[in-house]
Protein backbone atom coordinates (compact mmCIF):
# COMPACT_ATOMS: atom_id res chain seq x y z
CA UNK A 1 0.10 -0.07 -0.15
CA UNK A 2 1.23 3.49 -0.82
CA UNK A 3 0.80 6.65 1.37
CA UNK A 4 -0.04 9.95 -1.05
CA UNK A 5 -0.18 12.86 0.51
CA UNK A 6 -2.41 15.80 -1.84
CA UNK A 7 -1.54 19.24 -1.02
CA UNK A 8 -4.11 20.35 -3.26
CA UNK A 9 -7.14 22.60 -1.15
CA UNK A 10 -8.92 22.80 -4.87
CA UNK A 11 -11.83 20.55 -4.82
CA UNK A 12 -12.72 19.94 -8.53
CA UNK A 13 -9.46 18.75 -9.05
CA UNK A 14 -9.34 16.46 -5.51
CA UNK A 15 -12.05 14.74 -6.67
CA UNK A 16 -11.04 14.13 -9.89
CA UNK A 17 -7.67 12.78 -8.26
CA UNK A 18 -9.57 10.34 -6.30
CA UNK A 19 -11.38 8.80 -9.15
CA UNK A 20 -7.92 8.81 -11.32
CA UNK A 21 -6.20 7.05 -8.11
CA UNK A 22 -9.52 4.50 -7.75
CA UNK A 23 -9.42 3.90 -11.47
CA UNK A 24 -5.78 3.85 -12.83
CA UNK A 25 -3.43 3.55 -9.66
CA UNK A 26 -2.12 -0.09 -9.90
CA UNK A 27 -1.33 -0.06 -5.71
CA UNK A 28 -3.48 0.21 -2.98
CA UNK A 29 -3.64 3.70 -1.50
CA UNK A 30 -4.48 6.13 1.68
CA UNK A 31 -4.44 9.37 0.66
CA UNK A 32 -4.95 12.57 2.72
CA UNK A 33 -6.18 15.79 1.71
CA UNK A 34 -8.37 19.14 2.48
CA UNK A 35 -10.61 21.49 0.46
CA UNK A 36 -11.27 25.17 0.78
CA UNK A 37 -14.23 25.80 1.51
CA UNK A 38 -17.14 23.80 -0.38
CA UNK A 39 -20.14 21.85 -0.49
CA UNK A 40 -19.58 18.38 -1.53
CA UNK A 41 -22.76 16.53 -2.62
CA UNK A 42 -23.71 12.96 -2.83
CA UNK A 43 -23.95 11.30 -6.18
CA UNK A 44 -27.50 10.61 -6.04
CA UNK A 45 -28.65 13.96 -4.38
CA UNK A 46 -30.14 17.17 -5.75
CA UNK A 47 -27.81 20.10 -5.49
CA UNK A 48 -30.35 22.85 -5.45
CA UNK A 49 -32.37 21.51 -2.44
CA UNK A 50 -29.33 20.65 -0.30
CA UNK A 51 -27.65 23.95 -0.11
CA UNK A 52 -28.00 27.81 0.00
CA UNK A 53 -27.08 29.54 -3.18
CA UNK A 54 -27.28 32.82 -1.16
CA UNK A 55 -24.25 31.46 1.17
CA UNK A 56 -22.73 29.66 -1.07
CA UNK A 57 -22.89 33.10 -3.86
CA UNK A 58 -22.19 35.23 -0.83
CA UNK A 59 -18.69 33.63 0.63
CA UNK A 60 -17.38 32.16 -2.91
CA UNK A 61 -17.98 28.63 -1.86
CA UNK A 62 -17.35 25.77 -4.34
CA UNK A 63 -20.01 23.56 -4.67
CA UNK A 64 -18.97 19.67 -6.03
CA UNK A 65 -20.69 16.38 -6.82
CA UNK A 66 -18.84 13.32 -6.39
CA UNK A 67 -18.55 9.86 -7.55
CA UNK A 68 -19.99 8.60 -4.10
CA UNK A 69 -23.17 8.45 -2.67
CA UNK A 70 -24.99 9.97 0.68
CA UNK A 71 -25.58 13.17 1.89
CA UNK A 72 -24.02 16.63 1.59
CA UNK A 73 -20.95 17.47 3.63
CA UNK A 74 -19.22 20.89 4.47
CA UNK A 75 -15.48 21.31 4.21
CA UNK A 76 -13.30 24.15 5.05
CA UNK A 77 -9.39 23.77 5.92
CA UNK A 78 -10.27 22.67 9.41
CA UNK A 79 -11.44 19.57 7.87
CA UNK A 80 -9.29 16.65 6.72
CA UNK A 81 -10.03 13.80 3.76
CA UNK A 82 -9.25 10.29 3.93
CA UNK A 83 -9.05 8.40 0.57
CA UNK A 84 -8.40 4.59 0.44
CA UNK A 85 -8.10 2.74 -2.89
CA UNK A 86 -8.20 -1.02 -2.44
CA UNK A 87 -7.93 -3.54 -5.54
CA UNK A 88 -11.38 -6.03 -4.85
CA UNK A 89 -14.96 -5.18 -4.68
CA UNK A 90 -16.27 -4.50 -1.65
CA UNK A 91 -19.76 -4.71 -2.02
CA UNK A 92 -20.62 -5.93 1.90
CA UNK A 93 -21.77 -3.40 4.58
CA UNK A 94 -18.70 -4.28 6.62
CA UNK A 95 -16.48 -3.02 4.35
CA UNK A 96 -16.82 0.75 5.51
CA UNK A 97 -15.84 -0.78 9.60
CA UNK A 98 -13.14 -3.03 7.86
CA UNK A 99 -11.55 0.25 5.81
CA UNK A 100 -12.26 2.56 8.65
CA UNK A 101 -10.05 0.19 10.84
CA UNK A 102 -7.01 2.26 9.71
CA UNK A 103 -8.28 5.48 10.57
CA UNK A 104 -9.80 4.50 14.28
CA UNK A 105 -6.37 2.89 15.03
CA UNK A 106 -4.64 5.96 14.41
CA UNK A 107 -7.57 8.02 16.43
CA UNK A 108 -6.81 5.70 19.08
CA UNK A 109 -3.13 6.32 19.23
CA UNK A 110 -4.20 9.57 19.86
CA UNK A 111 -5.88 8.87 23.09
CA UNK A 112 -9.04 9.66 20.93
CA UNK A 113 -11.94 6.96 21.85
CA UNK A 114 -13.34 6.66 18.16
CA UNK A 115 -15.76 4.13 17.41
CA UNK A 116 -17.27 2.86 14.19
CA UNK A 117 -21.56 3.59 14.39
CA UNK A 118 -24.59 2.93 12.33
CA UNK A 119 -23.19 2.76 8.31
CA UNK A 120 -20.61 4.85 7.95
CA UNK A 121 -20.10 7.16 10.95
CA UNK A 122 -17.39 7.76 13.44
CA UNK A 123 -18.62 9.09 16.67
CA UNK A 124 -16.60 10.17 19.86
CA UNK A 125 -18.78 10.02 22.71
CA UNK A 126 -22.00 10.06 20.67
CA UNK A 127 -20.91 13.25 18.28
CA UNK A 128 -20.34 12.70 14.77
CA UNK A 129 -16.42 13.12 13.72
CA UNK A 130 -16.55 11.92 10.49
CA UNK A 131 -18.57 10.44 7.86
CA UNK A 132 -17.24 8.10 4.84
CA UNK A 133 -18.92 6.74 1.68
CA UNK A 134 -17.92 4.37 -1.02
CA UNK A 135 -17.90 3.48 -4.60
CA UNK A 136 -17.19 0.55 -6.64
CA UNK A 137 -15.34 1.30 -9.95
CA UNK A 138 -14.62 -1.49 -11.99
CA UNK A 139 -12.49 -4.15 -9.96
CA UNK A 140 -11.47 -1.97 -7.69
CA UNK A 141 -13.31 -0.05 -4.63
CA UNK A 142 -12.80 3.77 -3.59
CA UNK A 143 -13.56 4.69 0.24
CA UNK A 144 -13.53 7.87 1.36
CA UNK A 145 -13.93 9.88 4.51
CA UNK A 146 -14.16 13.43 6.21
CA UNK A 147 -12.29 14.26 9.98
CA UNK A 148 -13.59 17.28 11.81
CA UNK A 149 -10.63 18.80 13.66
CA UNK A 150 -11.45 22.63 13.47
CA UNK A 151 -14.25 23.31 10.81
CA UNK A 152 -16.47 26.36 10.96
CA UNK A 153 -19.32 23.92 12.36
CA UNK A 154 -21.86 27.48 12.25
CA UNK A 155 -20.58 27.93 8.92
CA UNK A 156 -21.51 23.80 7.96
CA UNK A 157 -24.84 24.70 9.69
CA UNK A 158 -25.98 27.71 7.10
CA UNK A 159 -24.84 26.44 4.04
CA UNK A 160 -26.29 23.15 4.36
CA UNK A 161 -29.62 24.47 5.26
CA UNK A 162 -31.78 25.77 2.52
CA UNK A 163 -35.07 27.44 2.21
CA UNK A 164 -37.50 24.59 2.70
CA UNK A 165 -40.12 27.03 1.05
CA UNK A 166 -37.70 27.68 -1.63
CA UNK A 167 -37.29 24.11 -3.18
CA UNK A 168 -39.48 21.51 -2.82
CA UNK A 169 -37.73 17.78 -3.94
CA UNK A 170 -38.03 14.26 -4.06
CA UNK A 171 -34.59 13.51 -4.27
CA UNK A 172 -32.42 11.92 -1.09
CA UNK A 173 -32.08 14.46 1.57
CA UNK A 174 -28.84 14.53 3.83
CA UNK A 175 -29.49 13.67 7.19
CA UNK A 176 -28.09 15.93 9.87
CA UNK A 177 -25.84 14.59 12.82
CA UNK A 178 -24.69 16.11 15.92
CA UNK A 179 -21.13 16.91 15.04
CA UNK A 180 -18.29 17.47 16.93
CA UNK A 181 -14.43 19.15 15.93
CA UNK A 182 -11.17 16.51 17.01
CA UNK A 183 -9.56 19.93 17.84
CA UNK A 184 -11.90 19.66 21.56
CA UNK A 185 -9.98 16.76 22.49
CA UNK A 186 -6.95 17.56 20.96
CA UNK A 187 -6.12 21.12 22.18
CA UNK A 188 -2.63 21.00 22.10
CA UNK A 189 -2.37 20.58 18.07
CA UNK A 190 -3.71 23.03 15.38
CA UNK A 191 -5.08 21.42 12.12
CA UNK A 192 -1.10 21.38 10.70
CA UNK A 193 0.05 19.56 13.57
CA UNK A 194 -2.44 16.87 13.00
CA UNK A 195 -2.33 16.76 9.40
CA UNK A 196 1.59 16.07 10.50
CA UNK A 197 0.76 13.45 13.39
CA UNK A 198 -2.58 12.17 11.49
CA UNK A 199 0.08 11.32 8.09
CA UNK A 200 2.75 9.59 10.63
CA UNK A 201 -0.06 7.71 12.52
CA UNK A 202 -1.49 6.24 9.25
CA UNK A 203 1.89 4.68 7.48
CA UNK A 204 2.45 3.00 11.03
CA UNK A 205 -1.11 1.65 11.32
CA UNK A 206 -1.06 0.09 7.98
CA UNK A 207 2.69 -0.03 6.76
CA UNK A 208 2.16 1.94 4.11
CA UNK A 209 4.98 3.31 2.13
CA UNK A 210 5.33 6.95 1.39
CA UNK A 211 5.23 8.05 -2.33
CA UNK A 212 4.91 11.29 -4.24
CA UNK A 213 1.88 11.42 -6.49
CA UNK A 214 3.29 11.06 -10.29
CA UNK A 215 3.01 13.62 -12.61
CA UNK A 216 1.17 11.98 -15.53
CA UNK A 217 -1.72 11.13 -12.61
CA UNK A 218 -1.95 15.12 -11.92
CA UNK A 219 -2.24 15.85 -15.09
CA UNK A 220 -5.24 13.20 -15.54
CA UNK A 221 -6.91 14.69 -12.85
CA UNK A 222 -6.68 18.22 -13.86
CA UNK A 223 -8.00 17.12 -17.19
CA UNK A 224 -10.80 15.26 -15.47
CA UNK A 225 -11.57 17.95 -13.43
CA UNK A 226 -12.25 20.35 -16.34
CA UNK A 227 -14.22 17.69 -18.09
CA UNK A 228 -16.54 16.79 -15.21
CA UNK A 229 -15.79 18.11 -12.01
CA UNK A 230 -16.01 22.19 -12.99
CA UNK A 231 -19.39 21.60 -14.84
CA UNK A 232 -22.72 22.44 -14.16
CA UNK A 233 -24.10 19.74 -16.03
CA UNK A 234 -22.22 17.46 -13.08
CA UNK A 235 -22.51 19.49 -9.93
CA UNK A 236 -25.94 20.91 -10.13
CA UNK A 237 -28.01 18.49 -12.66
CA UNK A 238 -30.54 16.02 -11.83
CA UNK A 239 -32.74 13.58 -13.09
CA UNK A 240 -34.67 13.95 -10.21
CA UNK A 241 -37.96 16.05 -10.54
CA UNK A 242 -38.64 18.66 -8.36
CA UNK A 243 -40.29 22.27 -8.12
CA UNK A 244 -38.89 25.84 -7.31
CA UNK A 245 -40.30 29.26 -6.16
CA UNK A 246 -38.55 32.44 -5.18
CA UNK A 247 -40.06 36.05 -5.03
CA UNK A 248 -38.16 39.26 -4.48
CA UNK A 249 -38.97 42.64 -4.10
CA UNK A 250 -37.70 45.70 -7.01
CA UNK A 251 -38.35 48.92 -7.45
CA UNK A 252 -40.74 47.88 -9.75
CA UNK A 253 -42.83 45.94 -7.23
CA UNK A 254 -42.56 42.33 -6.22
CA UNK A 255 -42.38 39.61 -8.52
CA UNK A 256 -42.23 35.27 -7.78
CA UNK A 257 -41.34 32.27 -9.84
CA UNK A 258 -42.71 29.27 -9.62
CA UNK A 259 -42.01 26.44 -11.99
CA UNK A 260 -41.17 23.01 -11.68
CA UNK A 261 -37.90 21.39 -13.19
CA UNK A 262 -37.49 17.66 -15.24
CA UNK A 263 -34.00 17.02 -16.76
CA UNK A 264 -32.67 20.65 -15.78
CA UNK A 265 -35.13 22.29 -17.69
CA UNK A 266 -37.76 25.15 -16.91
CA UNK A 267 -41.49 24.05 -16.98
CA UNK A 268 -44.55 25.39 -16.23
CA UNK A 269 -43.03 28.59 -15.23
CA UNK A 270 -45.76 30.91 -13.42
CA UNK A 271 -44.85 34.29 -12.72
CA UNK A 272 -46.92 36.54 -10.34
CA UNK A 273 -46.60 39.85 -8.59
CA UNK A 274 -47.80 43.50 -8.26
CA UNK A 275 -45.91 44.60 -10.80
CA UNK A 276 -46.99 46.56 -13.92
CA UNK A 277 -46.75 45.50 -17.96
CA UNK A 278 -47.88 46.04 -21.36
CA UNK A 279 -47.96 42.47 -22.50
CA UNK A 280 -49.45 39.44 -20.46
CA UNK A 281 -46.47 38.34 -18.39
CA UNK A 282 -47.74 34.69 -19.61
CA UNK A 283 -46.07 35.47 -22.91
CA UNK A 284 -42.42 35.67 -20.92
CA UNK A 285 -43.00 32.55 -19.08
CA UNK A 286 -43.84 30.49 -22.19
CA UNK A 287 -40.75 32.16 -24.18
CA UNK A 288 -38.62 30.62 -20.99
CA UNK A 289 -40.28 27.16 -20.42
CA UNK A 290 -38.26 24.30 -21.80
CA UNK A 291 -35.20 26.65 -21.13
CA UNK A 292 -32.00 25.07 -19.67
CA UNK A 293 -31.32 26.25 -16.28
CA UNK A 294 -27.52 26.20 -16.40
CA UNK A 295 -26.97 30.07 -15.28
CA UNK A 296 -24.84 30.61 -18.64
CA UNK A 297 -27.80 29.34 -21.40
CA UNK A 298 -30.35 30.66 -18.83
CA UNK A 299 -28.90 34.07 -18.43
CA UNK A 300 -28.69 34.08 -22.62
CA UNK A 301 -32.36 33.22 -23.03
CA UNK A 302 -33.52 35.99 -20.98
CA UNK A 303 -31.38 39.02 -22.21
CA UNK A 304 -32.74 38.05 -25.85
CA UNK A 305 -36.30 38.57 -24.00
CA UNK A 306 -37.69 42.48 -24.08
CA UNK A 307 -38.76 42.08 -20.51
CA UNK A 308 -39.28 45.42 -19.64
CA UNK A 309 -42.92 45.19 -22.00
CA UNK A 310 -43.78 42.22 -19.53
CA UNK A 311 -42.53 43.64 -16.21
CA UNK A 312 -42.45 47.73 -16.62
CA UNK A 313 -39.22 48.68 -14.94
CA UNK A 314 -37.78 45.22 -14.99
CA UNK A 315 -34.08 44.70 -16.27
CA UNK A 316 -32.69 40.99 -17.37
CA UNK A 317 -30.63 41.19 -14.83
CA UNK A 318 -33.72 41.54 -12.27
CA UNK A 319 -35.09 38.04 -13.80
CA UNK A 320 -31.91 36.46 -13.82
CA UNK A 321 -31.62 36.78 -10.14
CA UNK A 322 -35.28 35.17 -9.18
CA UNK A 323 -33.67 31.80 -10.73
CA UNK A 324 -30.66 31.63 -8.15
CA UNK A 325 -31.28 28.37 -7.34
């Protein structure tokens, strides 16, 4: 087994590197890495229903979908991620426990009484410090998880609490747990110290050999990040139908949009409010039905429409802001 350390803090690149390692790296491996502020969404989730879009935009938080299932999680530099790539297909539920054992052993070497709980969590005194997920890729299995050390738990709560009246989803919602930071138990270390200590403990517990990540794998990860993990379709696209509603007050009056989403396109759009207009706003709605929700495509479509005819005093940017998923 090889121990890999990934210094990148860019979420799309890091998730791409995981996929490259699991798919193409000959050896079994353990890798540690961190992301700067990011929300990582489960493979089968509706991103719009998991994330507070306003908080994400205001704080420059990356939103990236991973290739494994489970719920949405918040990452910052106070959170350490571990990746374990093994050669065989491990489909049984006990595989989580078996592969998390090396992490549990490392924590116990620090005097932390961590234990595996439920389907895929590590807890201390009933509070969650780690969640994990897995994916089978061909003849190999990828396991990965988080270790909360000094994560901003207030931001975690804010960014993963979207307005329930805004998005009504039929998708798989995340289950929120009572969480804790390991720094409470290891106050003598900051996150950088802990990362060093954890690296040494994992190498000792697993018998892994340290190895620099090969340049060709880094290049492959960069290419995959651009082609997949940085795209709107991967990160926000969903096969799950849902409904959306948002209203705002503008200088021209109030305006609310209500619509259904199917195959990432607007359907059954209705616009209501106390605004005035020369033409029936239903004509504007008809023009936008069937439009993709990908921001660039939606913005381009709205900017082609003389919205002022339908909503007096409104600009294209005003209307675009109502579709801020």
